[in-house]
């Protein structure tokens, strides 16, 4: 991709040429994170440090949101305590 293309792309997207250059240089990393499940709405390219925990948390949140249950601090504490008791 030459400079003219980057300029026209940046202008069309309403962003800077530097942003386009950074995206192009990070192409492989972006594709890897997208394939791993980050999705198109991901704002930062950070992989999970505790993948099982984060997967369980996302599943739990999806269940709560689909049942229209409000997520409060008390509910979070109750669920965390229940999980600790199950393991002991």
N, C-alpha and C. Protein backbone atom coordinates (compact mmCIF):
# COMPACT_ATOMS: atom_id res chain seq x y z
N UNK A 1 0.86 -1.17 0.00
CA UNK A 1 0.00 0.00 0.00
C UNK A 1 0.90 1.23 0.00
N UNK A 2 0.76 2.09 -0.96
CA UNK A 2 1.62 3.27 -1.03
C UNK A 2 1.01 4.44 -0.28
N UNK A 3 1.76 5.54 -0.20
CA UNK A 3 1.32 6.71 0.57
C UNK A 3 0.02 7.30 0.09
N UNK A 4 -0.20 7.33 -1.22
CA UNK A 4 -1.44 7.89 -1.76
C UNK A 4 -2.64 7.08 -1.30
N UNK A 5 -2.51 5.77 -1.30
CA UNK A 5 -3.61 4.93 -0.84
C UNK A 5 -3.90 5.16 0.64
N UNK A 6 -2.85 5.25 1.45
CA UNK A 6 -3.04 5.48 2.88
C UNK A 6 -3.72 6.82 3.12
N UNK A 7 -3.32 7.84 2.36
CA UNK A 7 -3.95 9.15 2.51
C UNK A 7 -5.43 9.10 2.14
N UNK A 8 -5.75 8.47 1.03
CA UNK A 8 -7.15 8.42 0.60
C UNK A 8 -7.99 7.56 1.55
N UNK A 9 -7.42 6.48 2.05
CA UNK A 9 -8.15 5.64 3.02
C UNK A 9 -8.38 6.42 4.31
N UNK A 10 -7.34 7.10 4.80
CA UNK A 10 -7.47 7.89 6.03
C UNK A 10 -8.54 8.97 5.87
N UNK A 11 -8.54 9.64 4.73
CA UNK A 11 -9.52 10.70 4.48
C UNK A 11 -10.93 10.12 4.43
N UNK A 12 -11.09 8.97 3.75
CA UNK A 12 -12.40 8.35 3.62
C UNK A 12 -12.95 7.88 4.97
N UNK A 13 -12.05 7.43 5.85
CA UNK A 13 -12.48 6.93 7.16
C UNK A 13 -12.49 8.01 8.24
N UNK A 14 -12.01 9.19 7.89
CA UNK A 14 -11.99 10.28 8.86
C UNK A 14 -10.97 10.07 9.97
N UNK A 15 -9.85 9.47 9.65
CA UNK A 15 -8.80 9.22 10.63
C UNK A 15 -7.46 9.69 10.07
N UNK A 16 -6.41 9.49 10.83
CA UNK A 16 -5.10 9.95 10.38
C UNK A 16 -4.35 8.88 9.59
N UNK A 17 -3.39 9.34 8.81
CA UNK A 17 -2.55 8.41 8.05
C UNK A 17 -1.73 7.54 9.01
N UNK A 18 -1.37 8.09 10.15
CA UNK A 18 -0.63 7.34 11.16
C UNK A 18 -1.44 6.15 11.67
N UNK A 19 -2.73 6.36 11.88
CA UNK A 19 -3.60 5.26 12.33
C UNK A 19 -3.66 4.15 11.29
N UNK A 20 -3.77 4.53 10.03
CA UNK A 20 -3.81 3.54 8.95
C UNK A 20 -2.49 2.78 8.91
N UNK A 21 -1.38 3.49 9.04
CA UNK A 21 -0.06 2.86 9.01
C UNK A 21 0.08 1.86 10.17
N UNK A 22 -0.40 2.24 11.37
CA UNK A 22 -0.32 1.36 12.54
C UNK A 22 -1.17 0.11 12.34
N UNK A 23 -2.34 0.26 11.78
CA UNK A 23 -3.22 -0.88 11.52
C UNK A 23 -2.58 -1.83 10.52
N UNK A 24 -2.02 -1.28 9.45
CA UNK A 24 -1.38 -2.11 8.42
C UNK A 24 -0.18 -2.85 9.00
N UNK A 25 0.61 -2.18 9.84
CA UNK A 25 1.79 -2.83 10.40
C UNK A 25 1.41 -3.89 11.44
N UNK A 26 0.22 -3.79 12.02
CA UNK A 26 -0.24 -4.76 13.03
C UNK A 26 -1.20 -5.79 12.43
N UNK A 27 -1.25 -5.90 11.13
CA UNK A 27 -2.23 -6.73 10.44
C UNK A 27 -2.26 -8.17 10.97
N UNK A 28 -1.10 -8.81 11.09
CA UNK A 28 -1.06 -10.20 11.54
C UNK A 28 -1.59 -10.34 12.97
N UNK A 29 -1.19 -9.44 13.83
CA UNK A 29 -1.64 -9.50 15.22
C UNK A 29 -3.15 -9.28 15.31
N UNK A 30 -3.67 -8.35 14.53
CA UNK A 30 -5.11 -8.09 14.52
C UNK A 30 -5.87 -9.32 14.05
N UNK A 31 -5.40 -9.96 12.99
CA UNK A 31 -6.06 -11.16 12.48
C UNK A 31 -6.02 -12.28 13.51
N UNK A 32 -4.90 -12.45 14.19
CA UNK A 32 -4.76 -13.50 15.19
C UNK A 32 -5.75 -13.30 16.34
N UNK A 33 -5.85 -12.08 16.83
CA UNK A 33 -6.77 -11.78 17.93
C UNK A 33 -8.22 -11.95 17.48
N UNK A 34 -8.52 -11.55 16.25
CA UNK A 34 -9.87 -11.69 15.73
C UNK A 34 -10.26 -13.16 15.63
N UNK A 35 -9.34 -14.00 15.15
CA UNK A 35 -9.59 -15.44 15.03
C UNK A 35 -9.78 -16.07 16.40
N UNK A 36 -9.04 -15.58 17.40
CA UNK A 36 -9.15 -16.11 18.76
C UNK A 36 -10.46 -15.72 19.44
N UNK A 37 -11.25 -14.86 18.82
CA UNK A 37 -12.57 -14.57 19.36
C UNK A 37 -12.79 -13.16 19.88
N UNK A 38 -11.94 -12.24 19.57
CA UNK A 38 -12.14 -10.87 20.06
C UNK A 38 -13.33 -10.22 19.35
N UNK A 39 -13.47 -10.43 18.07
CA UNK A 39 -14.59 -9.88 17.32
C UNK A 39 -14.34 -8.48 16.81
N UNK A 40 -15.23 -7.98 15.97
CA UNK A 40 -15.02 -6.68 15.33
C UNK A 40 -15.21 -5.49 16.28
N UNK A 41 -15.86 -5.69 17.42
CA UNK A 41 -16.09 -4.58 18.34
C UNK A 41 -15.02 -4.44 19.41
N UNK A 42 -13.98 -5.22 19.32
CA UNK A 42 -12.89 -5.18 20.29
C UNK A 42 -12.11 -3.88 20.12
N UNK A 43 -11.90 -3.16 21.22
CA UNK A 43 -11.20 -1.88 21.12
C UNK A 43 -9.71 -2.02 21.41
N UNK A 44 -9.32 -3.02 22.17
CA UNK A 44 -7.91 -3.22 22.50
C UNK A 44 -7.52 -4.65 22.21
N UNK A 45 -6.28 -4.83 21.76
CA UNK A 45 -5.79 -6.16 21.42
C UNK A 45 -5.10 -6.80 22.61
N UNK A 46 -5.88 -7.25 23.57
CA UNK A 46 -5.31 -7.88 24.74
C UNK A 46 -5.86 -9.30 24.84
N UNK A 47 -4.95 -10.25 24.96
CA UNK A 47 -5.38 -11.63 25.12
C UNK A 47 -5.63 -11.91 26.60
N UNK A 48 -6.49 -12.86 26.87
CA UNK A 48 -6.82 -13.22 28.24
C UNK A 48 -5.62 -13.87 28.92
N UNK A 49 -5.36 -13.46 30.15
CA UNK A 49 -4.30 -14.11 30.92
C UNK A 49 -4.83 -15.38 31.56
N UNK A 50 -6.11 -15.38 31.90
CA UNK A 50 -6.76 -16.54 32.52
C UNK A 50 -7.96 -16.89 31.65
N UNK A 51 -7.69 -17.57 30.55
CA UNK A 51 -8.71 -17.81 29.52
C UNK A 51 -9.95 -18.52 30.07
N UNK A 52 -9.76 -19.56 30.90
CA UNK A 52 -10.90 -20.31 31.44
C UNK A 52 -11.78 -19.41 32.31
N UNK A 53 -11.15 -18.60 33.15
CA UNK A 53 -11.89 -17.70 34.02
C UNK A 53 -12.67 -16.68 33.21
N UNK A 54 -12.04 -16.10 32.21
CA UNK A 54 -12.71 -15.09 31.40
C UNK A 54 -13.84 -15.69 30.57
N UNK A 55 -13.64 -16.92 30.07
CA UNK A 55 -14.70 -17.60 29.33
C UNK A 55 -15.89 -17.87 30.23
N UNK A 56 -15.62 -18.32 31.46
CA UNK A 56 -16.70 -18.58 32.42
C UNK A 56 -17.43 -17.28 32.77
N UNK A 57 -16.70 -16.20 32.93
CA UNK A 57 -17.31 -14.91 33.25
C UNK A 57 -18.19 -14.41 32.11
N UNK A 58 -17.72 -14.54 30.89
CA UNK A 58 -18.51 -14.12 29.73
C UNK A 58 -19.78 -14.97 29.61
N UNK A 59 -19.66 -16.28 29.81
CA UNK A 59 -20.84 -17.16 29.76
C UNK A 59 -21.85 -16.76 30.83
N UNK A 60 -21.37 -16.48 32.04
CA UNK A 60 -22.23 -16.08 33.15
C UNK A 60 -22.95 -14.77 32.82
N UNK A 61 -22.21 -13.80 32.28
CA UNK A 61 -22.82 -12.52 31.93
C UNK A 61 -23.87 -12.69 30.83
N UNK A 62 -23.59 -13.54 29.85
CA UNK A 62 -24.57 -13.78 28.78
C UNK A 62 -25.85 -14.38 29.34
N UNK A 63 -25.71 -15.34 30.28
CA UNK A 63 -26.90 -15.94 30.89
C UNK A 63 -27.70 -14.89 31.66
N UNK A 64 -27.00 -14.05 32.42
CA UNK A 64 -27.69 -13.01 33.19
C UNK A 64 -28.40 -12.02 32.27
N UNK A 65 -27.71 -11.59 31.24
CA UNK A 65 -28.30 -10.60 30.33
C UNK A 65 -29.48 -11.18 29.56
N UNK A 66 -29.40 -12.46 29.19
CA UNK A 66 -30.52 -13.06 28.46
C UNK A 66 -31.73 -13.26 29.36
N UNK A 67 -31.51 -13.41 30.67
CA UNK A 67 -32.63 -13.57 31.59
C UNK A 67 -33.09 -12.23 32.17
N UNK A 68 -32.47 -11.14 31.69
CA UNK A 68 -32.80 -9.77 32.12
C UNK A 68 -32.60 -9.57 33.63
N UNK A 69 -31.68 -10.32 34.22
CA UNK A 69 -31.36 -10.18 35.63
C UNK A 69 -30.39 -9.01 35.81
N UNK A 70 -30.71 -8.05 36.68
CA UNK A 70 -29.77 -6.94 36.90
C UNK A 70 -28.51 -7.44 37.60
N UNK A 71 -27.36 -6.98 37.14
CA UNK A 71 -26.09 -7.40 37.73
C UNK A 71 -25.70 -6.38 38.79
N UNK A 72 -25.76 -6.80 40.05
CA UNK A 72 -25.41 -5.92 41.16
C UNK A 72 -24.17 -6.46 41.86
N UNK A 73 -23.59 -5.65 42.71
CA UNK A 73 -22.43 -6.09 43.49
C UNK A 73 -22.77 -7.27 44.38
N UNK A 74 -23.98 -7.26 44.97
CA UNK A 74 -24.39 -8.36 45.83
C UNK A 74 -24.49 -9.67 45.05
N UNK A 75 -25.02 -9.60 43.84
CA UNK A 75 -25.15 -10.80 43.01
C UNK A 75 -23.77 -11.35 42.65
N UNK A 76 -22.85 -10.47 42.30
CA UNK A 76 -21.49 -10.90 41.97
C UNK A 76 -20.84 -11.59 43.16
N UNK A 77 -20.97 -10.99 44.35
CA UNK A 77 -20.38 -11.57 45.56
C UNK A 77 -21.01 -12.93 45.85
N UNK A 78 -22.31 -13.04 45.69
CA UNK A 78 -23.01 -14.31 45.93
C UNK A 78 -22.51 -15.39 44.98
N UNK A 79 -22.37 -15.06 43.70
CA UNK A 79 -21.90 -16.04 42.72
C UNK A 79 -20.45 -16.45 42.99
N UNK A 80 -19.60 -15.49 43.34
CA UNK A 80 -18.20 -15.81 43.64
C UNK A 80 -18.11 -16.72 44.86
N UNK A 81 -18.89 -16.43 45.88
CA UNK A 81 -18.89 -17.23 47.09
C UNK A 81 -19.39 -18.64 46.80
N UNK A 82 -20.43 -18.77 45.98
CA UNK A 82 -20.97 -20.09 45.63
C UNK A 82 -19.94 -20.91 44.87
N UNK A 83 -19.20 -20.29 43.98
CA UNK A 83 -18.17 -21.01 43.22
C UNK A 83 -17.03 -21.45 44.12
N UNK A 84 -16.66 -20.63 45.09
CA UNK A 84 -15.59 -21.00 46.02
C UNK A 84 -16.04 -22.19 46.86
N UNK A 85 -17.29 -22.17 47.32
CA UNK A 85 -17.80 -23.27 48.14
C UNK A 85 -17.88 -24.58 47.35
N UNK A 86 -18.22 -24.52 46.06
CA UNK A 86 -18.29 -25.72 45.23
C UNK A 86 -16.93 -26.39 45.13
N UNK A 87 -15.88 -25.59 45.02
CA UNK A 87 -14.54 -26.13 44.82
C UNK A 87 -13.94 -26.68 46.11
N UNK A 88 -14.43 -26.23 47.27
CA UNK A 88 -13.83 -26.70 48.52
C UNK A 88 -14.55 -27.90 49.09
